[in-house]
Amino acid sequence: MRNDHTRESCASRSSRASLRRRGSTYVMVLGASMTLTVIGLSTATISRIRTRSTVQSNNFTSARLIASSGAEHALAKINSDSNWRTTYNGVTVTRTIGSGAFTWRVVDQGDGDLADSTSDPATLIVTGTDGGASYSQSITLSSGSSSGSGTQALGVMWGVGDEGGELFSISDCEDPINTMTVYGRLKYDDDGFIRDVGREIEAIAIDRDGTAYFVCQRDVGDYDHPVLLKFNINNASTAQDNIVEIVGEINWWYDVTGLAFDPDTGALYAVGVVWGHYNPDRLLIINKETGAVMSNVGGVSGLGHRLGRAQDIVFDSNGQLYALDADDYHDCQVYKVDKTNGDITDIVDNNMGNHIFEGLAWDSVNNRLLAVRESSAYLYIISERTGHNTYLGRLRDKGIEDCEAIGFLPANAGASGSSGIGPVQSSSAAKRLVD
């Protein structure tokens, strides 16, 4: 009996030990599984945090740029309205740019009434938002004289030759040959060596302060993509080199053939060609400080047409965007385009004939479209009535070959040195909004 009892006790202890071992093994496996699960969850969490951090950083940068556009928009509106203190008293202006938006308002932080006295200080408050980020800027405004040499005025057309890169101006487009000034080839500083910019300058847009922005497709440094250049036309001289600043490379695969400033937002629009594809050419917004593409707005198409060989774009004084196309090489068209998505909203069939027009500009003094023809650089007024274009002159007579870029100071710029409203000091308060 003892032996049987002893054997039973041994067997029982062995069974319990085996269970304990199996239990320990299960606990160990479960623990390892939980550890791997925790590690996996931690890795996924870290990845999400990093991704969200990157997105938030990009949104914050975009919000800051949008706020800058909002400030430009506000100053443009204020300077074009002699009764701005009454117009914008208690008013908040909102505009959408791509995936973001800006708001601005002008306040009298003294007594709260912007309109009661023209001598009260005024503060412009601008906020740009994109995604989950915002950037706010407070700017103290002052009346005074704008900077600049005071040599440039509205109604002067500027342009550059495509083949030689010659900068020129025309003070009276009704008499272009006799009122043209040619400033010679644009130059750039190549590590201390002053070189010609070269050929294939495809676009020009002039900011309110007289800074002209150009796109050059080649012959500037070692860039593989189109390059954004800038030069203040107030400094144009026939006696010395006109040296442009290289802003940066435009990260677009093919040519960029048009530039235009939106008079409502101050954003710099561009048109990017999509060579060899059935997709329409693209409407872009680029950063004028770096050249980087900020937004790919959309393909320019609609009403059975598409922008297939883009030549130029331009805004009129009311913010209507026009695009010039030469898709089939024989029948140029001008389209009205929705700047928010690239949709063609109207076709300006103006009977341009069997010619390619390459440069498009808006004369804000006379409220008219001008275009320059590829062959011999003929200058025309472009009418929205079929067959009513007006020939003005041949720029080739003054040595300008194959002109592809023309432009004017915007209507709200004013002559350099004129009275205007501008910032005298600014302070910024940035805020990230995190989920």
Protein backbone atom coordinates (compact mmCIF):
# COMPACT_ATOMS: atom_id res chain seq x y z
CA MET A 1 0.00 0.00 0.00
CA ARG A 2 2.80 2.41 0.86
CA ASN A 3 4.54 1.65 -2.35
CA ASP A 4 1.30 2.21 -4.25
CA HIS A 5 0.69 5.41 -2.35
CA THR A 6 4.24 6.52 -2.88
CA ARG A 7 4.00 5.77 -6.59
CA GLU A 8 0.73 7.71 -6.80
CA SER A 9 2.24 10.65 -4.97
CA CYS A 10 5.27 10.65 -7.24
CA ALA A 11 3.03 10.49 -10.30
CA SER A 12 0.90 13.32 -8.96
CA ARG A 13 3.93 15.45 -8.25
CA SER A 14 5.31 14.65 -11.72
CA SER A 15 2.00 15.63 -13.31
CA ARG A 16 1.87 18.89 -11.37
CA ALA A 17 5.48 19.66 -12.30
CA SER A 18 4.67 18.96 -15.93
CA LEU A 19 1.69 21.28 -15.74
CA ARG A 20 3.83 23.92 -14.12
CA ARG A 21 6.41 23.56 -16.88
CA ARG A 22 3.74 23.78 -19.54
CA GLY A 23 2.23 26.74 -17.74
CA SER A 24 5.62 28.39 -17.51
CA THR A 25 6.22 27.73 -21.18
CA TYR A 26 2.81 29.21 -22.03
CA VAL A 27 3.50 32.24 -19.89
CA MET A 28 6.91 32.65 -21.54
CA VAL A 29 5.40 32.34 -25.03
CA LEU A 30 2.59 34.70 -24.09
CA GLY A 31 5.10 37.14 -22.63
CA ALA A 32 7.25 36.99 -25.77
CA SER A 33 4.17 37.44 -27.93
CA MET A 34 3.07 40.44 -25.87
CA THR A 35 6.58 41.91 -26.09
CA LEU A 36 6.60 41.56 -29.88
CA THR A 37 3.12 43.06 -30.01
CA VAL A 38 4.20 46.00 -27.88
CA ILE A 39 7.30 46.47 -30.03
CA GLY A 40 5.14 46.35 -33.17
CA LEU A 41 2.65 48.80 -31.75
CA SER A 42 5.45 51.08 -30.59
CA THR A 43 7.06 50.99 -34.06
CA ALA A 44 3.73 51.75 -35.73
CA THR A 45 3.07 54.54 -33.24
CA ILE A 46 6.52 56.05 -33.81
CA SER A 47 5.99 55.82 -37.56
CA ARG A 48 2.61 57.57 -37.27
CA ILE A 49 4.09 60.25 -35.04
CA ARG A 50 6.95 60.84 -37.49
CA THR A 51 4.57 60.96 -40.46
CA ARG A 52 2.22 63.33 -38.63
CA SER A 53 5.17 65.48 -37.58
CA THR A 54 6.38 65.72 -41.19
CA VAL A 55 2.90 66.59 -42.45
CA GLN A 56 2.48 69.20 -39.73
CA SER A 57 5.88 70.70 -40.54
CA ASN A 58 4.97 70.92 -44.24
CA ASN A 59 1.57 72.40 -43.37
CA PHE A 60 3.19 74.95 -41.09
CA THR A 61 5.62 76.03 -43.84
CA SER A 62 2.72 76.30 -46.28
CA ALA A 63 0.66 78.28 -43.74
CA ARG A 64 3.52 80.73 -43.33
CA LEU A 65 3.79 81.25 -47.11
CA ILE A 66 0.02 81.66 -47.37
CA ALA A 67 0.13 84.30 -44.62
CA SER A 68 2.77 86.16 -46.63
CA SER A 69 0.45 86.08 -49.66
CA GLY A 70 -2.34 87.37 -47.43
CA ALA A 71 -0.20 90.33 -46.37
CA GLU A 72 0.55 91.16 -50.02
CA HIS A 73 -3.14 90.88 -50.88
CA ALA A 74 -4.09 93.20 -48.00
CA LEU A 75 -1.51 95.86 -48.92
CA ALA A 76 -2.62 95.74 -52.55
CA LYS A 77 -6.28 96.25 -51.60
CA ILE A 78 -5.46 99.01 -49.10
CA ASN A 79 -3.29 100.96 -51.53
CA SER A 80 -5.95 100.78 -54.25
CA ASP A 81 -8.68 102.23 -51.98
CA SER A 82 -8.41 105.83 -50.77
CA ASN A 83 -11.20 105.12 -48.23
CA TRP A 84 -9.65 101.90 -46.92
CA ARG A 85 -10.16 102.84 -43.27
CA THR A 86 -13.92 102.93 -43.83
CA THR A 87 -14.04 100.01 -46.27
CA TYR A 88 -12.20 97.61 -43.97
CA ASN A 89 -13.39 98.89 -40.60
CA GLY A 90 -14.58 95.78 -38.75
CA VAL A 91 -14.22 93.64 -41.90
CA THR A 92 -12.40 90.30 -42.12
CA VAL A 93 -11.28 89.30 -45.63
CA THR A 94 -10.92 85.59 -46.44
CA ARG A 95 -9.37 83.96 -49.50
CA THR A 96 -8.62 80.32 -50.39
CA ILE A 97 -5.22 79.30 -51.84
CA GLY A 98 -4.98 75.65 -52.88
CA SER A 99 -5.61 73.49 -49.80
CA GLY A 100 -5.20 76.45 -47.43
CA ALA A 101 -6.60 79.90 -46.83
CA PHE A 102 -5.75 83.28 -45.37
CA THR A 103 -7.72 85.90 -43.47
CA TRP A 104 -6.78 89.49 -42.78
CA ARG A 105 -8.24 92.48 -41.01
CA VAL A 106 -7.05 95.99 -40.15
CA VAL A 107 -7.65 97.19 -36.61
CA ASP A 108 -7.16 100.31 -34.55
CA GLN A 109 -5.80 98.86 -31.33
CA GLY A 110 -6.18 102.24 -29.61
CA ASP A 111 -9.87 103.09 -29.61
CA GLY A 112 -11.11 100.21 -31.79
CA ASP A 113 -12.53 102.50 -34.50
CA LEU A 114 -10.38 102.41 -37.62
CA ALA A 115 -12.46 105.01 -39.48
CA ASP A 116 -12.70 107.80 -36.91
CA SER A 117 -9.27 109.32 -37.57
CA THR A 118 -6.70 109.06 -40.35
CA SER A 119 -3.93 109.72 -37.84
CA ASP A 120 -4.71 106.74 -35.61
CA PRO A 121 -2.26 103.84 -35.86
CA ALA A 122 -3.46 100.84 -37.88
CA THR A 123 -2.40 97.23 -37.49
CA LEU A 124 -2.79 94.56 -40.15
CA ILE A 125 -3.38 91.07 -38.73
CA VAL A 126 -2.94 88.19 -41.19
CA THR A 127 -3.41 84.48 -40.58
CA GLY A 128 -2.55 81.69 -43.00
CA THR A 129 -3.84 78.15 -42.48
CA ASP A 130 -3.16 74.82 -44.14
CA GLY A 131 -4.22 71.43 -42.79
CA GLY A 132 -3.81 71.53 -39.05
CA ALA A 133 -1.40 74.45 -38.91
CA SER A 134 -1.73 78.21 -38.79
CA TYR A 135 0.65 81.14 -38.90
CA SER A 136 -0.31 84.64 -37.75
CA GLN A 137 1.42 87.91 -38.49
CA SER A 138 0.85 91.38 -37.05
CA ILE A 139 2.08 94.34 -39.13
CA THR A 140 2.01 97.99 -38.12
CA LEU A 141 1.04 100.16 -41.11
CA SER A 142 2.27 103.63 -41.98
CA SER A 143 1.59 106.14 -44.75
CA GLY A 144 4.66 107.29 -46.56
CA SER A 145 6.76 107.20 -49.67
CA SER A 146 7.58 103.85 -51.17
CA SER A 147 11.13 102.86 -51.89
CA GLY A 148 12.63 102.88 -55.34
CA SER A 149 14.41 105.14 -57.77
CA GLY A 150 11.17 106.70 -59.03
CA THR A 151 11.98 106.03 -62.67
CA GLN A 152 9.26 103.54 -63.54
CA ALA A 153 5.55 104.12 -64.04
CA LEU A 154 2.38 102.32 -64.98
CA GLY A 155 1.72 101.75 -68.66
CA VAL A 156 5.33 100.83 -69.47
CA MET A 157 5.67 97.42 -71.08
CA TRP A 158 8.71 95.31 -70.25
CA GLY A 159 10.00 92.30 -72.08
CA VAL A 160 12.97 90.14 -72.89
CA GLY A 161 14.16 88.52 -76.10
CA ASP A 162 14.22 84.74 -76.17
CA GLU A 163 17.31 84.29 -78.34
CA GLY A 164 19.68 86.83 -76.80
CA GLY A 165 18.11 87.59 -73.43
CA GLU A 166 17.93 91.37 -74.09
CA LEU A 167 15.87 93.34 -71.58
CA PHE A 168 13.77 96.15 -73.06
CA SER A 169 10.97 98.56 -72.17
CA ILE A 170 8.34 100.38 -74.27
CA SER A 171 6.84 103.53 -72.78
CA ASP A 172 4.06 103.86 -75.39
CA CYS A 173 2.75 100.68 -77.02
CA GLU A 174 0.97 102.74 -79.66
CA ASP A 175 4.43 103.73 -80.90
CA PRO A 176 6.63 100.81 -79.79
CA ILE A 177 9.64 101.38 -82.00
CA ASN A 178 10.20 105.04 -81.18
CA THR A 179 9.58 104.60 -77.46
CA MET A 180 11.61 101.42 -76.93
CA THR A 181 14.72 101.29 -74.73
CA VAL A 182 17.00 98.26 -75.00
CA TYR A 183 19.13 97.58 -71.91
CA GLY A 184 21.29 94.80 -73.32
CA ARG A 185 21.58 91.18 -72.33
CA LEU A 186 20.69 90.12 -68.83
CA LYS A 187 23.66 88.80 -66.86
CA TYR A 188 24.23 86.58 -63.84
CA ASP A 189 27.10 86.15 -61.41
CA ASP A 190 28.73 82.73 -61.81
CA ASP A 191 31.07 82.60 -58.78
CA GLY A 192 32.61 85.95 -59.63
CA PHE A 193 32.37 85.59 -63.43
CA ILE A 194 29.67 87.77 -65.03
CA ARG A 195 28.03 85.76 -67.80
CA ASP A 196 25.10 86.20 -70.20
CA VAL A 197 21.91 84.55 -69.03
CA GLY A 198 21.57 83.19 -72.55
CA ARG A 199 18.55 82.11 -74.51
CA GLU A 200 15.16 80.60 -73.80
CA ILE A 201 13.81 83.09 -71.30
CA GLU A 202 10.19 82.02 -71.54
CA ALA A 203 8.24 84.11 -69.05
CA ILE A 204 8.06 87.35 -67.08
CA ALA A 205 5.84 88.62 -64.25
CA ILE A 206 6.34 91.93 -62.44
CA ASP A 207 5.55 92.34 -58.75
CA ARG A 208 4.14 95.52 -57.20
CA ASP A 209 7.59 96.72 -56.07
CA GLY A 210 8.99 96.50 -59.60
CA THR A 211 10.71 93.13 -59.19
CA ALA A 212 10.51 91.22 -62.45
CA TYR A 213 10.59 87.43 -62.25
CA PHE A 214 11.77 85.41 -65.24
CA VAL A 215 11.90 81.73 -66.13
CA CYS A 216 14.92 80.54 -68.08
CA GLN A 217 14.92 77.01 -69.49
CA ARG A 218 18.68 76.65 -69.97
CA ASP A 219 22.13 78.25 -70.00
CA VAL A 220 22.06 79.37 -66.36
CA GLY A 221 24.50 77.43 -64.22
CA ASP A 222 24.20 73.65 -64.01
CA TYR A 223 20.49 73.38 -63.33
CA ASP A 224 18.53 70.47 -64.83
CA HIS A 225 15.11 72.12 -64.57
CA PRO A 226 13.73 75.58 -65.37
CA VAL A 227 15.22 78.32 -63.19
CA LEU A 228 13.45 81.28 -61.58
CA LEU A 229 15.35 84.59 -61.83
CA LYS A 230 14.54 88.06 -60.54
CA PHE A 231 15.64 91.62 -61.25
CA ASN A 232 14.20 94.95 -60.11
CA ILE A 233 13.35 96.99 -63.20
CA ASN A 234 13.86 100.20 -61.21
CA ASN A 235 17.57 99.39 -61.49
CA ALA A 236 17.62 98.79 -65.26
CA SER A 237 20.52 100.61 -66.91
CA THR A 238 21.90 101.05 -70.40
CA ALA A 239 25.30 102.02 -68.95
CA GLN A 240 26.12 98.96 -66.87
CA ASP A 241 25.39 95.25 -66.57
CA ASN A 242 21.88 94.26 -65.47
CA ILE A 243 22.61 91.32 -63.22
CA VAL A 244 19.75 89.02 -62.24
CA GLU A 245 19.52 87.05 -59.03
CA ILE A 246 19.08 83.28 -59.33
CA VAL A 247 16.14 82.50 -57.04
CA GLY A 248 16.20 78.75 -57.50
CA GLU A 249 15.25 75.78 -59.58
CA ILE A 250 11.59 75.13 -60.37
CA ASN A 251 10.95 71.46 -59.67
CA TRP A 252 8.94 70.77 -62.82
CA TRP A 253 9.79 68.00 -65.30
CA TYR A 254 9.47 70.03 -68.49
CA ASP A 255 9.33 73.69 -69.57
CA VAL A 256 7.64 76.45 -67.58
CA THR A 257 6.37 78.90 -70.18
CA GLY A 258 4.31 81.48 -68.30
CA LEU A 259 4.26 83.48 -65.06
CA ALA A 260 1.59 85.78 -63.59
CA PHE A 261 0.88 87.45 -60.25
CA ASP A 262 -2.67 87.10 -58.92
CA PRO A 263 -3.80 90.66 -58.08
CA ASP A 264 -6.15 89.32 -55.38
CA THR A 265 -3.72 87.14 -53.42
CA GLY A 266 -0.24 88.08 -54.62
CA ALA A 267 0.43 84.41 -55.43
CA LEU A 268 2.82 83.70 -58.31
CA TYR A 269 1.16 81.40 -60.83
CA ALA A 270 3.00 79.47 -63.53
CA VAL A 271 2.09 77.14 -66.35
CA GLY A 272 4.03 73.90 -66.74
CA VAL A 273 4.14 72.19 -70.12
CA VAL A 274 3.50 68.44 -70.34
CA TRP A 275 5.38 67.56 -73.52
CA GLY A 276 4.42 64.44 -75.47
CA HIS A 277 1.38 63.58 -73.36
CA TYR A 278 -2.35 63.70 -73.93
CA ASN A 279 -2.85 65.29 -70.54
CA PRO A 280 -3.31 69.08 -70.53
CA ASP A 281 -0.58 71.46 -69.41
CA ARG A 282 -0.70 72.25 -65.71
CA LEU A 283 -1.47 75.38 -63.73
CA LEU A 284 1.00 75.78 -60.84
CA ILE A 285 1.63 78.11 -57.90
CA ILE A 286 5.29 78.63 -57.10
CA ASN A 287 7.17 80.21 -54.23
CA LYS A 288 8.73 83.45 -55.44
CA GLU A 289 11.38 83.21 -52.70
CA THR A 290 12.68 79.75 -53.65
CA GLY A 291 11.21 78.74 -57.02
CA ALA A 292 9.65 75.61 -55.52
CA VAL A 293 6.24 74.45 -56.76
CA MET A 294 3.82 75.03 -53.86
CA SER A 295 0.68 73.73 -55.55
CA ASN A 296 -0.25 71.82 -58.69
CA VAL A 297 -3.65 73.45 -59.19
CA GLY A 298 -4.82 71.30 -62.09
CA GLY A 299 -4.77 70.63 -65.81
CA VAL A 300 -6.07 73.47 -68.00
CA SER A 301 -8.99 71.99 -69.95
CA GLY A 302 -12.72 72.29 -70.55
CA LEU A 303 -15.39 73.15 -73.13
CA GLY A 304 -13.83 70.59 -75.48
CA HIS A 305 -10.42 72.27 -75.40
CA ARG A 306 -7.19 71.74 -73.51
CA LEU A 307 -3.97 73.66 -73.02
CA GLY A 308 -1.67 71.47 -75.09
CA ARG A 309 1.23 73.76 -75.98
CA ALA A 310 1.12 76.53 -73.39
CA GLN A 311 2.77 79.83 -74.30
CA ASP A 312 1.87 82.22 -71.47
CA ILE A 313 -0.64 83.19 -68.77
CA VAL A 314 -1.72 86.57 -67.38
CA PHE A 315 -4.24 88.02 -64.94
CA ASP A 316 -6.29 91.10 -65.73
CA SER A 317 -6.89 93.77 -63.08
CA ASN A 318 -10.02 91.98 -61.83
CA GLY A 319 -8.26 88.69 -61.21
CA GLN A 320 -9.44 86.89 -64.36
CA LEU A 321 -6.77 84.48 -65.58
CA TYR A 322 -6.05 84.09 -69.31
CA ALA A 323 -3.98 81.36 -70.96
CA LEU A 324 -2.38 81.48 -74.40
CA ASP A 325 -2.17 78.20 -76.33
CA ALA A 326 -0.59 77.09 -79.61
CA ASP A 327 -1.56 73.44 -79.52
CA ASP A 328 -1.72 72.75 -83.25
CA TYR A 329 0.94 75.33 -84.28
CA HIS A 330 -1.53 77.03 -86.62
CA ASP A 331 -4.45 78.26 -84.55
CA CYS A 332 -3.53 80.08 -81.35
CA GLN A 333 -6.28 80.38 -78.78
CA VAL A 334 -6.75 82.48 -75.66
CA TYR A 335 -8.73 80.84 -72.86
CA LYS A 336 -10.32 82.23 -69.75
CA VAL A 337 -9.31 79.95 -66.90
CA ASP A 338 -10.59 79.31 -63.39
CA LYS A 339 -7.51 79.90 -61.23
CA THR A 340 -8.77 77.56 -58.49
CA ASN A 341 -8.83 74.37 -60.56
CA GLY A 342 -7.57 75.08 -64.10
CA ASP A 343 -10.96 74.71 -65.80
CA ILE A 344 -11.40 76.57 -69.09
CA THR A 345 -14.49 78.74 -68.62
CA ASP A 346 -14.53 80.60 -71.94
CA ILE A 347 -12.74 80.60 -75.30
CA VAL A 348 -11.55 83.92 -76.68
CA ASP A 349 -11.62 83.13 -80.41
CA ASN A 350 -9.89 86.18 -81.83
CA ASN A 351 -8.74 84.92 -85.24
CA MET A 352 -4.99 84.99 -84.63
CA GLY A 353 -4.52 83.31 -87.97
CA ASN A 354 -1.74 81.01 -89.10
CA HIS A 355 0.75 82.30 -86.52
CA ILE A 356 2.11 81.41 -83.11
CA PHE A 357 1.74 84.03 -80.40
CA GLU A 358 4.10 83.50 -77.47
CA GLY A 359 3.92 86.35 -74.94
CA LEU A 360 0.76 87.64 -73.25
CA ALA A 361 0.44 90.74 -71.03
CA TRP A 362 -2.27 92.84 -69.40
CA ASP A 363 -2.04 96.62 -69.81
CA SER A 364 -3.84 97.78 -66.65
CA VAL A 365 -3.77 101.46 -67.66
CA ASN A 366 -5.68 100.89 -70.90
CA ASN A 367 -7.44 97.67 -69.79
CA ARG A 368 -6.39 95.51 -72.70
CA LEU A 369 -4.61 92.31 -73.59
CA LEU A 370 -1.39 92.51 -75.58
CA ALA A 371 0.43 89.64 -77.25
CA VAL A 372 3.65 89.26 -79.19
CA ARG A 373 3.93 86.99 -82.22
CA GLU A 374 6.81 84.56 -82.64
CA SER A 375 7.85 85.59 -86.14
CA SER A 376 9.74 88.92 -86.07
CA ALA A 377 8.19 89.76 -82.67
CA TYR A 378 5.05 91.54 -83.90
CA LEU A 379 3.11 93.29 -81.14
CA TYR A 380 -0.71 93.20 -81.12
CA ILE A 381 -3.67 94.30 -79.05
CA ILE A 382 -5.77 91.16 -78.57
CA SER A 383 -9.50 91.73 -78.81
CA GLU A 384 -12.15 89.38 -77.47
CA ARG A 385 -14.10 90.09 -80.64
CA THR A 386 -13.17 87.77 -83.49
CA GLY A 387 -10.91 89.36 -86.07
CA HIS A 388 -10.43 92.67 -84.26
CA ASN A 389 -6.80 92.33 -83.17
CA THR A 390 -4.73 95.48 -83.74
CA TYR A 391 -1.16 95.45 -85.04
CA LEU A 392 1.14 97.89 -83.19
CA GLY A 393 4.65 97.31 -84.52
CA ARG A 394 7.56 94.91 -85.14
CA LEU A 395 10.01 94.67 -82.24
CA ARG A 396 12.59 93.05 -84.49
CA ASP A 397 13.23 96.50 -85.95
CA LYS A 398 15.03 97.31 -82.68
CA GLY A 399 16.92 94.01 -82.56
CA ILE A 400 14.54 91.95 -80.41
CA GLU A 401 14.33 88.46 -81.86
CA ASP A 402 11.66 85.91 -80.94
CA CYS A 403 10.25 87.72 -77.92
CA GLU A 404 8.35 85.33 -75.65
CA ALA A 405 7.98 87.34 -72.46
CA ILE A 406 6.20 90.69 -71.93
CA GLY A 407 4.60 92.26 -68.88
CA PHE A 408 3.47 95.42 -67.06
CA LEU A 409 3.55 96.72 -63.53
CA PRO A 410 0.21 95.77 -61.91
CA ALA A 411 -2.45 98.44 -61.56
CA ASN A 412 -2.12 98.69 -57.78
CA ALA A 413 1.65 99.21 -57.86
CA GLY A 414 1.82 102.96 -58.46
CA ALA A 415 4.96 104.69 -59.66
CA SER A 416 8.10 104.15 -57.64
CA GLY A 417 8.48 106.80 -54.99
CA SER A 418 4.75 107.50 -54.80
CA SER A 419 2.76 107.72 -51.59
CA GLY A 420 1.43 104.45 -50.26
CA ILE A 421 0.62 102.32 -47.23
CA GLY A 422 3.25 99.86 -46.12
CA PRO A 423 4.67 98.07 -43.09
CA VAL A 424 6.99 100.02 -40.78
CA GLN A 425 7.55 97.15 -38.39
CA SER A 426 6.26 93.63 -38.03
CA SER A 427 6.12 90.92 -35.45
CA SER A 428 4.99 87.36 -36.01
CA ALA A 429 3.35 84.87 -33.69
CA ALA A 430 3.32 81.34 -35.05
CA LYS A 431 1.06 78.60 -33.74
CA ARG A 432 0.81 74.93 -34.64
CA LEU A 433 -2.52 73.21 -34.17
CA VAL A 434 -1.92 69.54 -33.40
CA ASP A 435 -4.61 66.86 -33.37
